Amino acid sequence: MGPVPRKPILIALALVLGAVLMFGALHRFARSMIYPGSPVPFPRAEDLALRLPAARLIDYRSSDGIALRGALVPAADPAAPVAVYFHGNAESAAQNLPFAADLAGRGISVFLAEYRGFGGLAGTPTEDGLYADGEAAVEAVLATGVRPERLVLIGRSLGSGVATELALRKPSALLVLISAYTSMVEMGRGLAGPAASLAVPDRYDNLGKIARVRCPVVILHGDRDEVIPVAMGRALAAAAPGITYVEVAGASHNDFPGLEELVVREVGKRRGAS
């Protein structure tokens, strides 16, 4: 057998390199859509104390060394449930301080967890990176003396994927998903069609995981959600028996009237049953 001609080899290498570059560009574009982020950081400790005297900043690190910062906004009752809140993709944790203060005033302590690349933190967000950040946040809360039976995981929009993964990794009393998607790949089909499975590098497969979550699950979804279709919330709710599904008439993705009351009600149900 004679030598293989160089031209076909070069053509094949060029095609492979082109494919690698193409998918690299697609992955970068997909991540720019998944993680638009917000640079708004937490206020300085002294400024936070003026706004919320009982709140405090907590510094911690992810397992891969990323420096992280969260804010604990406590309820008056030291035995209150503690919710670790994972926010959406176009905001920072600091922008949820009013939400946390509202829940704290209604009897639920809240830890606002931040992600790498958001809120002025270093690092580049990826699926594995956000899971590591979320796990570090839960460990930081547990390190304050909170027991798993008081721990509530809340994930909104992008954060629903982080919260669902953490519910598989860490014992907790309740998982609350707000405006949750079935998977990021399914979200990407609107732009990439059948190519979404190749173009979207970060899966966040909530639908594939939800049936394995062992704590009670509550899903809250607005019927006018223009970003994450309400059909995704319904599909998640149907994926496993026992999931509590609350569909809110008139609520959209960013305008969700009565959300705080719903969260307090659902957390209160489980607390009363424990």
C-alpha atoms as a PDB file:
ATOM      1  CA  MET A   1       0.000   0.000   0.000  1.00  0.00           C
ATOM      2  CA  GLY A   2       1.464   3.340  -1.069  1.00  0.00           C
ATOM      3  CA  PRO A   3       1.734   6.554   0.938  1.00  0.00           C
ATOM      4  CA  VAL A   4      -1.471   8.484   1.623  1.00  0.00           C
ATOM      5  CA  PRO A   5      -1.590  11.684  -0.453  1.00  0.00           C
ATOM      6  CA  ARG A   6      -0.968  14.787   1.643  1.00  0.00           C
ATOM      7  CA  LYS A   7      -3.784  16.866   0.135  1.00  0.00           C
ATOM      8  CA  PRO A   8      -6.696  14.785   1.494  1.00  0.00           C
ATOM      9  CA  ILE A   9      -5.023  14.757   4.922  1.00  0.00           C
ATOM     10  CA  LEU A  10      -4.675  18.538   4.879  1.00  0.00           C
ATOM     11  CA  ILE A  11      -8.273  18.934   3.795  1.00  0.00           C
ATOM     12  CA  ALA A  12      -9.431  16.626   6.590  1.00  0.00           C
ATOM     13  CA  LEU A  13      -7.358  18.533   9.160  1.00  0.00           C
ATOM     14  CA  ALA A  14      -8.742  21.828   7.879  1.00  0.00           C
ATOM     15  CA  LEU A  15     -12.303  20.516   8.225  1.00  0.00           C
ATOM     16  CA  VAL A  16     -11.650  19.294  11.759  1.00  0.00           C
ATOM     17  CA  LEU A  17     -10.052  22.606  12.736  1.00  0.00           C
ATOM     18  CA  GLY A  18     -12.958  24.505  11.191  1.00  0.00           C
ATOM     19  CA  ALA A  19     -15.451  22.416  13.125  1.00  0.00           C
ATOM     20  CA  VAL A  20     -13.555  22.980  16.370  1.00  0.00           C
ATOM     21  CA  LEU A  21     -13.447  26.730  15.773  1.00  0.00           C
ATOM     22  CA  MET A  22     -17.109  26.804  14.779  1.00  0.00           C
ATOM     23  CA  PHE A  23     -18.261  24.953  17.891  1.00  0.00           C
ATOM     24  CA  GLY A  24     -15.939  27.063  20.027  1.00  0.00           C
ATOM     25  CA  ALA A  25     -17.606  30.177  18.668  1.00  0.00           C
ATOM     26  CA  LEU A  26     -21.057  28.653  19.198  1.00  0.00           C
ATOM     27  CA  HIS A  27     -20.193  27.764  22.790  1.00  0.00           C
ATOM     28  CA  ARG A  28     -18.946  31.282  23.478  1.00  0.00           C
ATOM     29  CA  PHE A  29     -22.121  32.736  21.994  1.00  0.00           C
ATOM     30  CA  ALA A  30     -24.306  30.339  23.984  1.00  0.00           C
ATOM     31  CA  ARG A  31     -22.554  31.253  27.220  1.00  0.00           C
ATOM     32  CA  SER A  32     -22.947  34.954  26.459  1.00  0.00           C
ATOM     33  CA  MET A  33     -26.694  34.296  26.293  1.00  0.00           C
ATOM     34  CA  ILE A  34     -26.803  32.077  29.388  1.00  0.00           C
ATOM     35  CA  TYR A  35     -24.650  34.353  31.549  1.00  0.00           C
ATOM     36  CA  PRO A  36     -25.187  38.012  30.621  1.00  0.00           C
ATOM     37  CA  GLY A  37     -24.544  38.740  34.292  1.00  0.00           C
ATOM     38  CA  SER A  38     -24.608  41.910  36.331  1.00  0.00           C
ATOM     39  CA  PRO A  39     -21.538  43.602  37.846  1.00  0.00           C
ATOM     40  CA  VAL A  40     -23.474  45.128  40.766  1.00  0.00           C
ATOM     41  CA  PRO A  41     -21.627  44.042  43.933  1.00  0.00           C
ATOM     42  CA  PHE A  42     -22.827  43.814  47.494  1.00  0.00           C
ATOM     43  CA  PRO A  43     -22.492  47.118  49.341  1.00  0.00           C
ATOM     44  CA  ARG A  44     -19.658  47.574  51.783  1.00  0.00           C
ATOM     45  CA  ALA A  45     -20.339  46.074  55.203  1.00  0.00           C
ATOM     46  CA  GLU A  46     -20.901  49.484  56.789  1.00  0.00           C
ATOM     47  CA  ASP A  47     -23.320  50.510  54.037  1.00  0.00           C
ATOM     48  CA  LEU A  48     -25.166  47.197  54.266  1.00  0.00           C
ATOM     49  CA  ALA A  49     -25.516  47.731  58.019  1.00  0.00           C
ATOM     50  CA  LEU A  50     -27.237  51.062  57.374  1.00  0.00           C
ATOM     51  CA  ARG A  51     -29.768  49.406  55.057  1.00  0.00           C
ATOM     52  CA  LEU A  52     -30.209  46.117  56.904  1.00  0.00           C
ATOM     53  CA  PRO A  53     -28.674  46.280  60.383  1.00  0.00           C
ATOM     54  CA  ALA A  54     -28.927  42.538  61.036  1.00  0.00           C
ATOM     55  CA  ALA A  55     -27.458  41.488  57.682  1.00  0.00           C
ATOM     56  CA  ARG A  56     -23.844  40.463  57.255  1.00  0.00           C
ATOM     57  CA  LEU A  57     -21.493  39.599  54.432  1.00  0.00           C
ATOM     58  CA  ILE A  58     -19.829  36.187  54.391  1.00  0.00           C
ATOM     59  CA  ASP A  59     -16.685  35.460  52.387  1.00  0.00           C
ATOM     60  CA  TYR A  60     -15.900  31.894  51.334  1.00  0.00           C
ATOM     61  CA  ARG A  61     -14.275  29.960  48.489  1.00  0.00           C
ATOM     62  CA  SER A  62     -15.371  27.398  45.951  1.00  0.00           C
ATOM     63  CA  SER A  63     -13.658  24.022  45.787  1.00  0.00           C
ATOM     64  CA  ASP A  64     -11.567  25.270  42.849  1.00  0.00           C
ATOM     65  CA  GLY A  65     -10.386  28.349  44.710  1.00  0.00           C
ATOM     66  CA  ILE A  66     -12.703  31.113  43.461  1.00  0.00           C
ATOM     67  CA  ALA A  67     -13.250  33.815  46.098  1.00  0.00           C
ATOM     68  CA  LEU A  68     -16.983  34.232  46.691  1.00  0.00           C
ATOM     69  CA  ARG A  69     -19.155  36.527  48.780  1.00  0.00           C
ATOM     70  CA  GLY A  70     -22.743  36.172  49.952  1.00  0.00           C
ATOM     71  CA  ALA A  71     -25.059  38.065  52.262  1.00  0.00           C
ATOM     72  CA  LEU A  72     -27.006  36.561  55.155  1.00  0.00           C
ATOM     73  CA  VAL A  73     -30.220  38.406  55.979  1.00  0.00           C
ATOM     74  CA  PRO A  74     -31.565  36.792  59.169  1.00  0.00           C
ATOM     75  CA  ALA A  75     -35.112  36.587  60.437  1.00  0.00           C
ATOM     76  CA  ALA A  76     -35.814  37.584  64.031  1.00  0.00           C
ATOM     77  CA  ASP A  77     -36.313  33.955  65.089  1.00  0.00           C
ATOM     78  CA  PRO A  78     -32.906  32.249  65.417  1.00  0.00           C
ATOM     79  CA  ALA A  79     -34.606  28.905  64.678  1.00  0.00           C
ATOM     80  CA  ALA A  80     -36.188  30.158  61.432  1.00  0.00           C
ATOM     81  CA  PRO A  81     -35.766  28.282  58.148  1.00  0.00           C
ATOM     82  CA  VAL A  82     -32.729  29.457  56.177  1.00  0.00           C
ATOM     83  CA  ALA A  83     -33.160  29.777  52.417  1.00  0.00           C
ATOM     84  CA  VAL A  84     -30.116  29.768  50.160  1.00  0.00           C
ATOM     85  CA  TYR A  85     -31.199  31.816  47.155  1.00  0.00           C
ATOM     86  CA  PHE A  86     -29.718  31.273  43.675  1.00  0.00           C
ATOM     87  CA  HIS A  87     -30.632  34.156  41.396  1.00  0.00           C
ATOM     88  CA  GLY A  88     -31.297  34.537  37.683  1.00  0.00           C
ATOM     89  CA  ASN A  89     -28.847  35.262  34.893  1.00  0.00           C
ATOM     90  CA  ALA A  90     -29.325  38.988  34.214  1.00  0.00           C
ATOM     91  CA  GLU A  91     -28.875  40.169  37.794  1.00  0.00           C
ATOM     92  CA  SER A  92     -26.549  39.904  40.754  1.00  0.00           C
ATOM     93  CA  ALA A  93     -27.163  38.576  44.240  1.00  0.00           C
ATOM     94  CA  ALA A  94     -26.945  42.119  45.634  1.00  0.00           C
ATOM     95  CA  GLN A  95     -29.955  43.186  43.582  1.00  0.00           C
ATOM     96  CA  ASN A  96     -32.052  40.696  45.563  1.00  0.00           C
ATOM     97  CA  LEU A  97     -31.446  42.320  48.951  1.00  0.00           C
ATOM     98  CA  PRO A  98     -35.010  43.764  49.016  1.00  0.00           C
ATOM     99  CA  PHE A  99     -36.424  40.288  48.301  1.00  0.00           C
ATOM    100  CA  ALA A 100     -34.303  38.789  51.077  1.00  0.00           C
ATOM    101  CA  ALA A 101     -35.328  41.523  53.505  1.00  0.00           C
ATOM    102  CA  ASP A 102     -38.998  40.890  52.702  1.00  0.00           C
ATOM    103  CA  LEU A 103     -38.653  37.153  53.380  1.00  0.00           C
ATOM    104  CA  ALA A 104     -36.676  37.822  56.560  1.00  0.00           C
ATOM    105  CA  GLY A 105     -39.444  40.108  57.762  1.00  0.00           C
ATOM    106  CA  ARG A 106     -41.886  37.252  57.184  1.00  0.00           C
ATOM    107  CA  GLY A 107     -39.874  34.713  59.171  1.00  0.00           C
ATOM    108  CA  ILE A 108     -37.414  33.173  56.675  1.00  0.00           C
ATOM    109  CA  SER A 109     -33.689  33.893  56.913  1.00  0.00           C
ATOM    110  CA  VAL A 110     -32.059  34.238  53.496  1.00  0.00           C
ATOM    111  CA  PHE A 111     -28.507  33.715  52.249  1.00  0.00           C
ATOM    112  CA  LEU A 112     -27.969  35.413  48.898  1.00  0.00           C
ATOM    113  CA  ALA A 113     -25.388  33.320  47.051  1.00  0.00           C
ATOM    114  CA  GLU A 114     -23.313  34.885  44.295  1.00  0.00           C
ATOM    115  CA  TYR A 115     -21.728  33.202  41.265  1.00  0.00           C
ATOM    116  CA  ARG A 116     -18.267  33.587  39.780  1.00  0.00           C
ATOM    117  CA  GLY A 117     -18.235  36.285  37.121  1.00  0.00           C
ATOM    118  CA  PHE A 118     -21.276  38.014  38.652  1.00  0.00           C
ATOM    119  CA  GLY A 119     -21.504  40.860  41.145  1.00  0.00           C
ATOM    120  CA  GLY A 120     -17.910  41.944  40.616  1.00  0.00           C
ATOM    121  CA  LEU A 121     -16.447  38.529  41.457  1.00  0.00           C
ATOM    122  CA  ALA A 122     -13.581  36.993  39.500  1.00  0.00           C
ATOM    123  CA  GLY A 123     -13.965  33.891  37.359  1.00  0.00           C
ATOM    124  CA  THR A 124     -15.836  32.778  34.268  1.00  0.00           C
ATOM    125  CA  PRO A 125     -19.282  31.214  34.762  1.00  0.00           C
ATOM    126  CA  THR A 126     -19.845  27.657  33.551  1.00  0.00           C
ATOM    127  CA  GLU A 127     -22.241  24.927  34.639  1.00  0.00           C
ATOM    128  CA  ASP A 128     -19.656  23.075  36.721  1.00  0.00           C
ATOM    129  CA  GLY A 129     -18.387  26.373  38.113  1.00  0.00           C
ATOM    130  CA  LEU A 130     -21.824  27.459  39.301  1.00  0.00           C
ATOM    131  CA  TYR A 131     -22.414  24.066  40.893  1.00  0.00           C
ATOM    132  CA  ALA A 132     -19.139  24.463  42.788  1.00  0.00           C
ATOM    133  CA  ASP A 133     -20.145  27.977  43.833  1.00  0.00           C
ATOM    134  CA  GLY A 134     -23.560  26.783  44.965  1.00  0.00           C
ATOM    135  CA  GLU A 135     -22.098  23.926  46.977  1.00  0.00           C
ATOM    136  CA  ALA A 136     -19.670  26.329  48.647  1.00  0.00           C
ATOM    137  CA  ALA A 137     -22.575  28.633  49.526  1.00  0.00           C
ATOM    138  CA  VAL A 138     -24.515  25.822  51.177  1.00  0.00           C
ATOM    139  CA  GLU A 139     -21.426  24.726  53.090  1.00  0.00           C
ATOM    140  CA  ALA A 140     -20.891  28.323  54.254  1.00  0.00           C
ATOM    141  CA  VAL A 141     -24.440  28.410  55.610  1.00  0.00           C
ATOM    142  CA  LEU A 142     -24.111  25.032  57.308  1.00  0.00           C
ATOM    143  CA  ALA A 143     -20.866  26.252  58.872  1.00  0.00           C
ATOM    144  CA  THR A 144     -22.869  28.887  60.759  1.00  0.00           C
ATOM    145  CA  GLY A 145     -24.663  26.095  62.644  1.00  0.00           C
ATOM    146  CA  VAL A 146     -27.729  25.670  60.438  1.00  0.00           C
ATOM    147  CA  ARG A 147     -28.982  22.090  60.367  1.00  0.00           C
ATOM    148  CA  PRO A 148     -30.154  20.492  57.085  1.00  0.00           C
ATOM    149  CA  GLU A 149     -33.717  20.276  58.413  1.00  0.00           C
ATOM    150  CA  ARG A 150     -33.805  24.101  58.405  1.00  0.00           C
ATOM    151  CA  LEU A 151     -32.211  24.453  54.975  1.00  0.00           C
ATOM    152  CA  VAL A 152     -34.336  25.555  52.013  1.00  0.00           C
ATOM    153  CA  LEU A 153     -32.891  25.776  48.488  1.00  0.00           C
ATOM    154  CA  ILE A 154     -34.510  28.383  46.237  1.00  0.00           C
ATOM    155  CA  GLY A 155     -33.562  28.764  42.578  1.00  0.00           C
ATOM    156  CA  ARG A 156     -35.030  31.284  40.176  1.00  0.00           C
ATOM    157  CA  SER A 157     -34.618  31.068  36.403  1.00  0.00           C
ATOM    158  CA  LEU A 158     -30.908  30.248  35.808  1.00  0.00           C
ATOM    159  CA  GLY A 159     -30.623  29.520  39.528  1.00  0.00           C
ATOM    160  CA  SER A 160     -33.183  26.719  39.271  1.00  0.00           C
ATOM    161  CA  GLY A 161     -30.492  24.565  37.675  1.00  0.00           C
ATOM    162  CA  VAL A 162     -28.049  25.290  40.492  1.00  0.00           C
ATOM    163  CA  ALA A 163     -30.649  24.670  43.199  1.00  0.00           C
ATOM    164  CA  THR A 164     -31.771  21.376  41.647  1.00  0.00           C
ATOM    165  CA  GLU A 165     -28.213  20.070  41.448  1.00  0.00           C
ATOM    166  CA  LEU A 166     -27.565  21.126  45.049  1.00  0.00           C
ATOM    167  CA  ALA A 167     -30.710  19.301  46.183  1.00  0.00           C
ATOM    168  CA  LEU A 168     -29.064  16.122  44.878  1.00  0.00           C
ATOM    169  CA  ARG A 169     -25.756  16.860  46.603  1.00  0.00           C
ATOM    170  CA  LYS A 170     -26.870  18.249  49.973  1.00  0.00           C
ATOM    171  CA  PRO A 171     -29.598  17.180  52.431  1.00  0.00           C
ATOM    172  CA  SER A 172     -32.220  19.893  52.688  1.00  0.00           C
ATOM    173  CA  ALA A 173     -35.766  20.411  53.893  1.00  0.00           C
ATOM    174  CA  LEU A 174     -37.273  21.849  50.707  1.00  0.00           C
ATOM    175  CA  LEU A 175     -36.466  22.769  47.099  1.00  0.00           C
ATOM    176  CA  VAL A 176     -38.345  25.748  45.628  1.00  0.00           C
ATOM    177  CA  LEU A 177     -37.993  26.429  41.901  1.00  0.00           C
ATOM    178  CA  ILE A 178     -39.244  29.723  40.473  1.00  0.00           C
ATOM    179  CA  SER A 179     -39.665  30.118  36.710  1.00  0.00           C
ATOM    180  CA  ALA A 180     -37.664  26.945  36.097  1.00  0.00           C
ATOM    181  CA  TYR A 181     -36.678  25.428  32.740  1.00  0.00           C
ATOM    182  CA  THR A 182     -36.541  21.769  31.787  1.00  0.00           C
ATOM    183  CA  SER A 183     -32.961  22.116  30.521  1.00  0.00           C
ATOM    184  CA  MET A 184     -30.751  24.765  29.016  1.00  0.00           C
ATOM    185  CA  VAL A 185     -30.517  22.718  25.831  1.00  0.00           C
ATOM    186  CA  GLU A 186     -34.298  22.866  25.447  1.00  0.00           C
ATOM    187  CA  MET A 187     -34.121  26.612  26.042  1.00  0.00           C
ATOM    188  CA  GLY A 188     -31.552  26.841  23.258  1.00  0.00           C
ATOM    189  CA  ARG A 189     -33.719  25.101  20.686  1.00  0.00           C
ATOM    190  CA  GLY A 190     -35.544  28.356  20.027  1.00  0.00           C
ATOM    191  CA  LEU A 191     -32.340  29.807  18.583  1.00  0.00           C
ATOM    192  CA  ALA A 192     -30.322  26.812  17.428  1.00  0.00           C
ATOM    193  CA  GLY A 193     -33.036  24.272  16.616  1.00  0.00           C
ATOM    194  CA  PRO A 194     -31.804  20.659  16.472  1.00  0.00           C
ATOM    195  CA  ALA A 195     -28.210  21.916  16.743  1.00  0.00           C
ATOM    196  CA  ALA A 196     -28.831  23.094  20.309  1.00  0.00           C
ATOM    197  CA  SER A 197     -27.539  19.822  21.746  1.00  0.00           C
ATOM    198  CA  LEU A 198     -24.160  20.603  20.167  1.00  0.00           C
ATOM    199  CA  ALA A 199     -24.195  24.384  20.455  1.00  0.00           C
ATOM    200  CA  VAL A 200     -25.171  24.674  24.136  1.00  0.00           C
ATOM    201  CA  PRO A 201     -22.263  23.557  26.337  1.00  0.00           C
ATOM    202  CA  ASP A 202     -24.008  23.890  29.712  1.00  0.00           C
ATOM    203  CA  ARG A 203     -26.939  21.515  30.154  1.00  0.00           C
ATOM    204  CA  TYR A 204     -28.577  22.231  33.518  1.00  0.00           C
ATOM    205  CA  ASP A 205     -30.824  19.226  32.967  1.00  0.00           C
ATOM    206  CA  ASN A 206     -33.524  19.888  35.552  1.00  0.00           C
ATOM    207  CA  LEU A 207     -35.967  17.498  33.907  1.00  0.00           C
ATOM    208  CA  GLY A 208     -33.492  14.630  34.073  1.00  0.00           C
ATOM    209  CA  LYS A 209     -32.722  15.277  37.744  1.00  0.00           C
ATOM    210  CA  ILE A 210     -35.992  16.289  39.379  1.00  0.00           C
ATOM    211  CA  ALA A 211     -37.250  12.744  40.011  1.00  0.00           C
ATOM    212  CA  ARG A 212     -34.082  11.965  42.004  1.00  0.00           C
ATOM    213  CA  VAL A 213     -34.532  14.839  44.446  1.00  0.00           C
ATOM    214  CA  ARG A 214     -35.424  13.366  47.825  1.00  0.00           C
ATOM    215  CA  CYS A 215     -36.710  16.457  49.628  1.00  0.00           C
ATOM    216  CA  PRO A 216     -40.145  17.994  48.901  1.00  0.00           C
ATOM    217  CA  VAL A 217     -40.242  20.117  45.742  1.00  0.00           C
ATOM    218  CA  VAL A 218     -42.341  23.209  45.000  1.00  0.00           C
ATOM    219  CA  ILE A 219     -42.478  24.748  41.516  1.00  0.00           C
ATOM    220  CA  LEU A 220     -43.833  28.282  41.021  1.00  0.00           C
ATOM    221  CA  HIS A 221     -44.414  29.494  37.468  1.00  0.00           C
ATOM    222  CA  GLY A 222     -46.285  32.385  35.884  1.00  0.00           C
ATOM    223  CA  ASP A 223     -48.684  31.580  33.078  1.00  0.00           C
ATOM    224  CA  ARG A 224     -47.470  34.621  31.120  1.00  0.00           C
ATOM    225  CA  ASP A 225     -43.757  33.874  31.385  1.00  0.00           C
ATOM    226  CA  GLU A 226     -42.324  35.182  28.143  1.00  0.00           C
ATOM    227  CA  VAL A 227     -38.781  33.880  28.760  1.00  0.00           C
ATOM    228  CA  ILE A 228     -39.219  30.354  30.125  1.00  0.00           C
ATOM    229  CA  PRO A 229     -42.444  28.822  28.778  1.00  0.00           C
ATOM    230  CA  VAL A 230     -44.981  27.770  31.378  1.00  0.00           C
ATOM    231  CA  ALA A 231     -45.048  24.402  29.600  1.00  0.00           C
ATOM    232  CA  MET A 232     -41.574  23.781  31.033  1.00  0.00           C
ATOM    233  CA  GLY A 233     -42.819  24.335  34.572  1.00  0.00           C
ATOM    234  CA  ARG A 234     -45.695  21.951  33.940  1.00  0.00           C
ATOM    235  CA  ALA A 235     -43.334  19.328  32.486  1.00  0.00           C
ATOM    236  CA  LEU A 236     -41.095  19.508  35.560  1.00  0.00           C
ATOM    237  CA  ALA A 237     -44.102  19.164  37.847  1.00  0.00           C
ATOM    238  CA  ALA A 238     -45.266  16.077  35.946  1.00  0.00           C
ATOM    239  CA  ALA A 239     -41.841  14.425  36.053  1.00  0.00           C
ATOM    240  CA  ALA A 240     -42.210  12.979  39.557  1.00  0.00           C
ATOM    241  CA  PRO A 241     -45.056  12.258  41.978  1.00  0.00           C
ATOM    242  CA  GLY A 242     -45.582  14.546  44.940  1.00  0.00           C
ATOM    243  CA  ILE A 243     -44.260  17.772  43.426  1.00  0.00           C
ATOM    244  CA  THR A 244     -46.303  20.821  44.420  1.00  0.00           C
ATOM    245  CA  TYR A 245     -46.993  22.981  41.360  1.00  0.00           C
ATOM    246  CA  VAL A 246     -48.387  26.499  41.636  1.00  0.00           C
ATOM    247  CA  GLU A 247     -49.194  28.308  38.404  1.00  0.00           C
ATOM    248  CA  VAL A 248     -49.783  32.013  38.927  1.00  0.00           C
ATOM    249  CA  ALA A 249     -52.249  33.716  36.616  1.00  0.00           C
ATOM    250  CA  GLY A 250     -50.942  36.921  35.095  1.00  0.00           C
ATOM    251  CA  ALA A 251     -47.361  36.493  36.339  1.00  0.00           C
ATOM    252  CA  SER A 252     -44.558  36.945  33.819  1.00  0.00           C
ATOM    253  CA  HIS A 253     -40.863  36.166  34.098  1.00  0.00           C
ATOM    254  CA  ASN A 254     -39.817  39.396  35.780  1.00  0.00           C
ATOM    255  CA  ASP A 255     -43.170  40.548  37.113  1.00  0.00           C
ATOM    256  CA  PHE A 256     -44.314  37.941  39.620  1.00  0.00           C
ATOM    257  CA  PRO A 257     -46.889  39.498  41.962  1.00  0.00           C
ATOM    258  CA  GLY A 258     -47.181  37.875  45.383  1.00  0.00           C
ATOM    259  CA  LEU A 259     -44.004  35.817  45.023  1.00  0.00           C
ATOM    260  CA  GLU A 260     -42.845  36.472  48.577  1.00  0.00           C
ATOM    261  CA  GLU A 261     -46.195  35.398  49.991  1.00  0.00           C
ATOM    262  CA  LEU A 262     -46.122  32.199  47.949  1.00  0.00           C
ATOM    263  CA  VAL A 263     -42.625  31.309  49.149  1.00  0.00           C
ATOM    264  CA  VAL A 264     -43.544  32.002  52.782  1.00  0.00           C
ATOM    265  CA  ARG A 265     -46.702  29.928  52.461  1.00  0.00           C
ATOM    266  CA  GLU A 266     -44.967  26.909  50.947  1.00  0.00           C
ATOM    267  CA  VAL A 267     -42.047  27.012  53.368  1.00  0.00           C
ATOM    268  CA  GLY A 268     -44.483  27.404  56.249  1.00  0.00           C
ATOM    269  CA  LYS A 269     -46.408  24.305  55.210  1.00  0.00           C
ATOM    270  CA  ARG A 270     -43.312  22.142  55.453  1.00  0.00           C
ATOM    271  CA  ARG A 271     -42.161  23.757  58.673  1.00  0.00           C
ATOM    272  CA  GLY A 272     -45.506  23.085  60.273  1.00  0.00           C
ATOM    273  CA  ALA A 273     -45.359  19.467  59.138  1.00  0.00           C
ATOM    274  CA  SER A 274     -41.858  18.854  60.517  1.00  0.00           C
END
